[in-house]
Amino acid sequence: MSKHWTAEKVAERFEACVKTLRKLPSAGMMGYVSAWPDIVYTPQEIARQEPNPIRLAALPDEITRMEETLTWITWVNPGERKLIWLRAYRVPWRAIARETGFPKTSAQRYWDVALSKIARRLEAERAAA
């Protein structure tokens, strides 16, 4: 099966990369120790608490795809990187325009150009292989 890279597929991979990054455990502070004992709740207290959200761990193939996707970001300039990441985190275009200083339609066009650059390079690598 031949996989042709398009800007849409590249955008989907960056969104999947963000989802995988969110599944990874946080770094936290290393070496921090608390002298306080753990709180032991009664069954009634547990029943009254808000349920903790289920946090699924990232699968090995998701991490592999994430690592591959992270290498692609070096193929574009820093301004394009910011646009790609903001959209991968599903930031609305209006907020992106405020943050970057670009008009909304220009930001969309620059984002599309950046994704197309990555897609062209991936296609060139695929063709060479």
N, C-alpha and C. Protein backbone atom coordinates (compact mmCIF):
# COMPACT_ATOMS: atom_id res chain seq x y z
N MET A 1 0.85 -1.18 0.00
CA MET A 1 0.00 0.00 0.00
C MET A 1 0.89 1.24 0.00
N SER A 2 0.64 2.12 -0.91
CA SER A 2 1.42 3.34 -1.04
C SER A 2 0.75 4.46 -0.26
N LYS A 3 1.52 5.10 0.60
CA LYS A 3 0.97 6.18 1.42
C LYS A 3 1.48 7.51 0.87
N HIS A 4 0.58 8.30 0.33
CA HIS A 4 0.95 9.61 -0.18
C HIS A 4 0.70 10.64 0.90
N TRP A 5 1.68 11.48 1.13
CA TRP A 5 1.58 12.49 2.18
C TRP A 5 0.92 13.75 1.65
N THR A 6 -0.06 14.25 2.39
CA THR A 6 -0.71 15.51 2.07
C THR A 6 -0.63 16.40 3.30
N ALA A 7 -0.95 17.67 3.11
CA ALA A 7 -0.94 18.61 4.24
C ALA A 7 -1.95 18.16 5.31
N GLU A 8 -3.09 17.61 4.88
CA GLU A 8 -4.11 17.15 5.83
C GLU A 8 -3.60 15.99 6.68
N LYS A 9 -2.90 15.05 6.04
CA LYS A 9 -2.36 13.91 6.78
C LYS A 9 -1.27 14.36 7.76
N VAL A 10 -0.47 15.32 7.35
CA VAL A 10 0.56 15.85 8.25
C VAL A 10 -0.10 16.53 9.45
N ALA A 11 -1.16 17.31 9.21
CA ALA A 11 -1.88 17.96 10.31
C ALA A 11 -2.46 16.93 11.27
N GLU A 12 -3.02 15.85 10.72
CA GLU A 12 -3.57 14.78 11.57
C GLU A 12 -2.48 14.15 12.43
N ARG A 13 -1.29 13.96 11.84
CA ARG A 13 -0.19 13.38 12.61
C ARG A 13 0.24 14.29 13.75
N PHE A 14 0.26 15.61 13.52
CA PHE A 14 0.63 16.52 14.60
C PHE A 14 -0.44 16.53 15.70
N GLU A 15 -1.71 16.41 15.33
CA GLU A 15 -2.77 16.32 16.34
C GLU A 15 -2.64 15.03 17.13
N ALA A 16 -2.32 13.92 16.46
CA ALA A 16 -2.11 12.65 17.15
C ALA A 16 -0.89 12.74 18.06
N CYS A 17 0.12 13.48 17.63
CA CYS A 17 1.32 13.68 18.44
C CYS A 17 0.96 14.39 19.74
N VAL A 18 0.12 15.41 19.65
CA VAL A 18 -0.31 16.14 20.84
C VAL A 18 -1.10 15.22 21.78
N LYS A 19 -1.98 14.40 21.22
CA LYS A 19 -2.76 13.46 22.05
C LYS A 19 -1.83 12.49 22.78
N THR A 20 -0.81 12.01 22.09
CA THR A 20 0.14 11.09 22.71
C THR A 20 0.96 11.80 23.78
N LEU A 21 1.38 13.02 23.50
CA LEU A 21 2.13 13.78 24.50
C LEU A 21 1.32 13.96 25.78
N ARG A 22 0.03 14.15 25.64
CA ARG A 22 -0.84 14.31 26.82
C ARG A 22 -0.99 13.01 27.61
N LYS A 23 -0.81 11.87 26.94
CA LYS A 23 -0.91 10.59 27.63
C LYS A 23 0.34 10.22 28.41
N LEU A 24 1.46 10.86 28.08
CA LEU A 24 2.72 10.53 28.76
C LEU A 24 2.70 11.05 30.19
N PRO A 25 3.38 10.36 31.10
CA PRO A 25 3.40 10.85 32.48
C PRO A 25 4.16 12.16 32.58
N SER A 26 3.73 13.01 33.50
CA SER A 26 4.41 14.29 33.67
C SER A 26 5.75 14.06 34.36
N ALA A 27 6.68 14.96 34.12
CA ALA A 27 8.02 14.81 34.68
C ALA A 27 7.99 14.97 36.20
N GLY A 28 7.24 15.93 36.70
CA GLY A 28 7.16 16.14 38.14
C GLY A 28 8.49 16.63 38.69
N MET A 29 8.50 16.86 39.97
CA MET A 29 9.74 17.30 40.61
C MET A 29 10.46 16.08 41.17
N MET A 30 11.67 15.90 40.72
CA MET A 30 12.45 14.76 41.18
C MET A 30 13.03 15.08 42.55
N GLY A 31 13.01 14.10 43.43
CA GLY A 31 13.63 14.26 44.73
C GLY A 31 12.75 14.95 45.76
N TYR A 32 11.53 15.31 45.39
CA TYR A 32 10.64 15.97 46.34
C TYR A 32 9.97 14.92 47.20
N VAL A 33 10.09 15.06 48.50
CA VAL A 33 9.51 14.09 49.43
C VAL A 33 8.64 14.85 50.43
N SER A 34 7.49 14.30 50.72
CA SER A 34 6.60 14.90 51.70
C SER A 34 6.66 14.09 52.99
N ALA A 35 6.68 14.79 54.11
CA ALA A 35 6.71 14.13 55.41
C ALA A 35 5.29 13.82 55.89
N TRP A 36 4.29 14.34 55.18
CA TRP A 36 2.92 14.10 55.59
C TRP A 36 2.50 12.68 55.22
N PRO A 37 1.73 12.04 56.09
CA PRO A 37 1.26 10.68 55.76
C PRO A 37 0.18 10.73 54.68
N ASP A 38 0.01 9.61 53.97
CA ASP A 38 -1.04 9.53 52.97
C ASP A 38 -2.40 9.57 53.67
N ILE A 39 -3.37 10.19 53.02
CA ILE A 39 -4.72 10.28 53.57
C ILE A 39 -5.46 8.99 53.24
N VAL A 40 -6.05 8.40 54.25
CA VAL A 40 -6.85 7.19 54.06
C VAL A 40 -8.31 7.60 54.18
N TYR A 41 -9.05 7.44 53.08
CA TYR A 41 -10.45 7.83 53.04
C TYR A 41 -11.35 6.66 53.42
N THR A 42 -12.47 6.99 54.02
CA THR A 42 -13.48 5.97 54.32
C THR A 42 -14.27 5.70 53.04
N PRO A 43 -14.96 4.56 52.96
CA PRO A 43 -15.77 4.28 51.76
C PRO A 43 -16.82 5.37 51.49
N GLN A 44 -17.40 5.97 52.53
CA GLN A 44 -18.40 7.02 52.34
C GLN A 44 -17.74 8.27 51.73
N GLU A 45 -16.53 8.61 52.18
CA GLU A 45 -15.83 9.77 51.62
C GLU A 45 -15.47 9.53 50.16
N ILE A 46 -15.06 8.32 49.87
CA ILE A 46 -14.71 7.97 48.48
C ILE A 46 -15.94 8.08 47.59
N ALA A 47 -17.10 7.64 48.08
CA ALA A 47 -18.34 7.68 47.29
C ALA A 47 -18.77 9.11 47.00
N ARG A 48 -18.44 10.06 47.88
CA ARG A 48 -18.83 11.46 47.69
C ARG A 48 -17.84 12.25 46.83
N GLN A 49 -16.69 11.69 46.54
CA GLN A 49 -15.69 12.42 45.76
C GLN A 49 -16.02 12.40 44.28
N GLU A 50 -15.50 13.40 43.58
CA GLU A 50 -15.62 13.42 42.13
C GLU A 50 -14.77 12.29 41.57
N PRO A 51 -15.27 11.55 40.60
CA PRO A 51 -14.46 10.47 40.03
C PRO A 51 -13.25 11.04 39.29
N ASN A 52 -12.12 10.37 39.45
CA ASN A 52 -10.91 10.78 38.72
C ASN A 52 -11.07 10.39 37.27
N PRO A 53 -10.62 11.24 36.36
CA PRO A 53 -10.72 10.87 34.95
C PRO A 53 -9.80 9.68 34.66
N ILE A 54 -10.26 8.84 33.76
CA ILE A 54 -9.46 7.69 33.38
C ILE A 54 -8.35 8.20 32.47
N ARG A 55 -7.13 7.90 32.83
CA ARG A 55 -5.99 8.35 32.03
C ARG A 55 -5.34 7.12 31.41
N LEU A 56 -5.45 7.04 30.10
CA LEU A 56 -4.88 5.91 29.39
C LEU A 56 -3.42 6.19 29.07
N ALA A 57 -2.60 5.17 29.19
CA ALA A 57 -1.19 5.31 28.87
C ALA A 57 -0.99 5.25 27.36
N ALA A 58 0.05 5.90 26.91
CA ALA A 58 0.37 5.89 25.48
C ALA A 58 0.90 4.51 25.08
N LEU A 59 0.47 4.04 23.93
CA LEU A 59 0.93 2.75 23.42
C LEU A 59 2.29 2.92 22.74
N PRO A 60 3.09 1.86 22.69
CA PRO A 60 4.43 1.97 22.08
C PRO A 60 4.41 2.47 20.64
N ASP A 61 3.45 2.01 19.81
CA ASP A 61 3.42 2.48 18.42
C ASP A 61 3.01 3.95 18.33
N GLU A 62 2.18 4.42 19.28
CA GLU A 62 1.84 5.85 19.33
C GLU A 62 3.07 6.68 19.67
N ILE A 63 3.88 6.19 20.59
CA ILE A 63 5.09 6.91 20.97
C ILE A 63 6.07 6.93 19.80
N THR A 64 6.19 5.84 19.07
CA THR A 64 7.07 5.79 17.90
C THR A 64 6.64 6.81 16.85
N ARG A 65 5.32 6.86 16.55
CA ARG A 65 4.81 7.84 15.58
C ARG A 65 5.01 9.26 16.08
N MET A 66 4.83 9.47 17.39
CA MET A 66 5.04 10.79 17.98
C MET A 66 6.49 11.24 17.81
N GLU A 67 7.43 10.34 18.10
CA GLU A 67 8.85 10.68 17.96
C GLU A 67 9.19 11.01 16.51
N GLU A 68 8.64 10.23 15.57
CA GLU A 68 8.88 10.50 14.16
C GLU A 68 8.32 11.88 13.78
N THR A 69 7.11 12.16 14.24
CA THR A 69 6.46 13.44 13.93
C THR A 69 7.25 14.61 14.52
N LEU A 70 7.80 14.43 15.70
CA LEU A 70 8.57 15.51 16.34
C LEU A 70 9.81 15.88 15.53
N THR A 71 10.37 14.93 14.77
CA THR A 71 11.54 15.27 13.95
C THR A 71 11.15 16.15 12.76
N TRP A 72 9.91 16.07 12.31
CA TRP A 72 9.48 16.84 11.15
C TRP A 72 9.47 18.34 11.44
N ILE A 73 9.26 18.71 12.67
CA ILE A 73 9.09 20.13 13.01
C ILE A 73 10.35 20.93 12.72
N THR A 74 11.49 20.25 12.65
CA THR A 74 12.75 20.95 12.38
C THR A 74 12.87 21.35 10.91
N TRP A 75 11.97 20.88 10.06
CA TRP A 75 12.02 21.18 8.63
C TRP A 75 11.40 22.52 8.28
N VAL A 76 10.79 23.18 9.24
CA VAL A 76 10.15 24.48 8.98
C VAL A 76 10.75 25.53 9.92
N ASN A 77 10.50 26.79 9.61
CA ASN A 77 11.07 27.86 10.42
C ASN A 77 10.29 28.03 11.74
N PRO A 78 10.86 28.75 12.70
CA PRO A 78 10.21 28.88 14.03
C PRO A 78 8.80 29.46 13.99
N GLY A 79 8.53 30.40 13.11
CA GLY A 79 7.18 30.96 13.02
C GLY A 79 6.17 29.92 12.56
N GLU A 80 6.58 29.12 11.58
CA GLU A 80 5.70 28.05 11.09
C GLU A 80 5.51 26.98 12.16
N ARG A 81 6.56 26.70 12.93
CA ARG A 81 6.45 25.72 14.02
C ARG A 81 5.37 26.14 15.01
N LYS A 82 5.38 27.42 15.35
CA LYS A 82 4.39 27.91 16.32
C LYS A 82 2.98 27.72 15.79
N LEU A 83 2.78 28.04 14.51
CA LEU A 83 1.45 27.86 13.91
C LEU A 83 1.04 26.39 13.93
N ILE A 84 1.97 25.50 13.57
CA ILE A 84 1.66 24.07 13.54
C ILE A 84 1.26 23.59 14.93
N TRP A 85 2.02 23.97 15.95
CA TRP A 85 1.71 23.49 17.30
C TRP A 85 0.42 24.08 17.83
N LEU A 86 0.18 25.37 17.57
CA LEU A 86 -1.07 25.97 18.06
C LEU A 86 -2.27 25.26 17.44
N ARG A 87 -2.20 24.95 16.14
CA ARG A 87 -3.33 24.25 15.51
C ARG A 87 -3.43 22.81 15.98
N ALA A 88 -2.29 22.16 16.23
CA ALA A 88 -2.32 20.78 16.72
C ALA A 88 -3.00 20.73 18.09
N TYR A 89 -2.84 21.79 18.88
CA TYR A 89 -3.52 21.87 20.18
C TYR A 89 -4.95 22.41 20.03
N ARG A 90 -5.40 22.56 18.80
CA ARG A 90 -6.76 23.01 18.46
C ARG A 90 -7.10 24.40 19.00
N VAL A 91 -6.12 25.28 18.96
CA VAL A 91 -6.36 26.67 19.32
C VAL A 91 -7.14 27.31 18.18
N PRO A 92 -8.20 28.06 18.47
CA PRO A 92 -8.99 28.68 17.40
C PRO A 92 -8.15 29.69 16.60
N TRP A 93 -8.52 29.87 15.33
CA TRP A 93 -7.76 30.76 14.46
C TRP A 93 -7.74 32.19 14.98
N ARG A 94 -8.82 32.62 15.58
CA ARG A 94 -8.86 33.99 16.10
C ARG A 94 -7.81 34.19 17.20
N ALA A 95 -7.67 33.20 18.09
CA ALA A 95 -6.66 33.28 19.15
C ALA A 95 -5.25 33.19 18.57
N ILE A 96 -5.09 32.38 17.53
CA ILE A 96 -3.79 32.28 16.86
C ILE A 96 -3.42 33.62 16.24
N ALA A 97 -4.39 34.27 15.61
CA ALA A 97 -4.15 35.57 14.99
C ALA A 97 -3.72 36.59 16.05
N ARG A 98 -4.37 36.57 17.20
CA ARG A 98 -3.99 37.49 18.29
C ARG A 98 -2.59 37.21 18.78
N GLU A 99 -2.25 35.92 18.95
CA GLU A 99 -0.95 35.55 19.51
C GLU A 99 0.19 35.80 18.54
N THR A 100 -0.03 35.52 17.26
CA THR A 100 1.06 35.65 16.29
C THR A 100 1.14 37.03 15.65
N GLY A 101 0.05 37.77 15.67
CA GLY A 101 0.04 39.08 15.03
C GLY A 101 -0.30 39.02 13.55
N PHE A 102 -0.52 37.83 13.01
CA PHE A 102 -0.92 37.68 11.61
C PHE A 102 -2.43 37.86 11.50
N PRO A 103 -2.93 38.37 10.38
CA PRO A 103 -4.37 38.29 10.15
C PRO A 103 -4.79 36.82 10.09
N LYS A 104 -6.03 36.54 10.44
CA LYS A 104 -6.50 35.15 10.53
C LYS A 104 -6.28 34.38 9.24
N THR A 105 -6.64 34.95 8.10
CA THR A 105 -6.50 34.22 6.85
C THR A 105 -5.04 34.03 6.47
N SER A 106 -4.20 35.00 6.82
CA SER A 106 -2.76 34.84 6.54
C SER A 106 -2.18 33.72 7.40
N ALA A 107 -2.59 33.66 8.66
CA ALA A 107 -2.11 32.59 9.55
C ALA A 107 -2.51 31.23 9.00
N GLN A 108 -3.75 31.12 8.50
CA GLN A 108 -4.20 29.87 7.91
C GLN A 108 -3.37 29.51 6.68
N ARG A 109 -3.07 30.51 5.86
CA ARG A 109 -2.28 30.27 4.66
C ARG A 109 -0.85 29.85 5.02
N TYR A 110 -0.23 30.52 5.99
CA TYR A 110 1.13 30.17 6.42
C TYR A 110 1.17 28.76 7.02
N TRP A 111 0.13 28.42 7.78
CA TRP A 111 0.03 27.08 8.36
C TRP A 111 -0.05 26.03 7.26
N ASP A 112 -0.88 26.29 6.26
CA ASP A 112 -1.02 25.36 5.15
C ASP A 112 0.28 25.21 4.36
N VAL A 113 0.99 26.30 4.16
CA VAL A 113 2.27 26.26 3.46
C VAL A 113 3.28 25.43 4.26
N ALA A 114 3.30 25.62 5.58
CA ALA A 114 4.24 24.86 6.42
C ALA A 114 3.94 23.36 6.35
N LEU A 115 2.66 23.00 6.41
CA LEU A 115 2.30 21.59 6.32
C LEU A 115 2.63 21.03 4.94
N SER A 116 2.45 21.83 3.91
CA SER A 116 2.77 21.39 2.56
C SER A 116 4.27 21.17 2.39
N LYS A 117 5.08 22.02 3.03
CA LYS A 117 6.54 21.83 3.00
C LYS A 117 6.92 20.47 3.56
N ILE A 118 6.32 20.15 4.71
CA ILE A 118 6.61 18.87 5.37
C ILE A 118 6.13 17.71 4.50
N ALA A 119 4.92 17.85 3.94
CA ALA A 119 4.36 16.79 3.10
C ALA A 119 5.24 16.56 1.87
N ARG A 120 5.72 17.63 1.25
CA ARG A 120 6.59 17.48 0.07
C ARG A 120 7.88 16.76 0.44
N ARG A 121 8.44 17.10 1.59
CA ARG A 121 9.69 16.44 2.00
C ARG A 121 9.44 14.96 2.29
N LEU A 122 8.32 14.66 2.94
CA LEU A 122 7.99 13.25 3.22
C LEU A 122 7.76 12.48 1.93
N GLU A 123 7.10 13.11 0.95
CA GLU A 123 6.88 12.48 -0.35
C GLU A 123 8.21 12.23 -1.06
N ALA A 124 9.13 13.19 -0.97
CA ALA A 124 10.44 13.03 -1.61
C ALA A 124 11.21 11.87 -0.96
N GLU A 125 11.13 11.77 0.37
CA GLU A 125 11.79 10.66 1.07
C GLU A 125 11.16 9.32 0.70
N ARG A 126 9.82 9.32 0.59
CA ARG A 126 9.12 8.09 0.22
C ARG A 126 9.50 7.65 -1.18
N ALA A 127 9.60 8.60 -2.09
CA ALA A 127 9.95 8.29 -3.47
C ALA A 127 11.39 7.80 -3.58
N ALA A 128 12.28 8.33 -2.76
CA ALA A 128 13.68 7.93 -2.78
C ALA A 128 13.90 6.55 -2.17
N ALA A 129 12.98 6.13 -1.32
CA ALA A 129 13.16 4.83 -0.64
C ALA A 129 12.78 3.67 -1.52
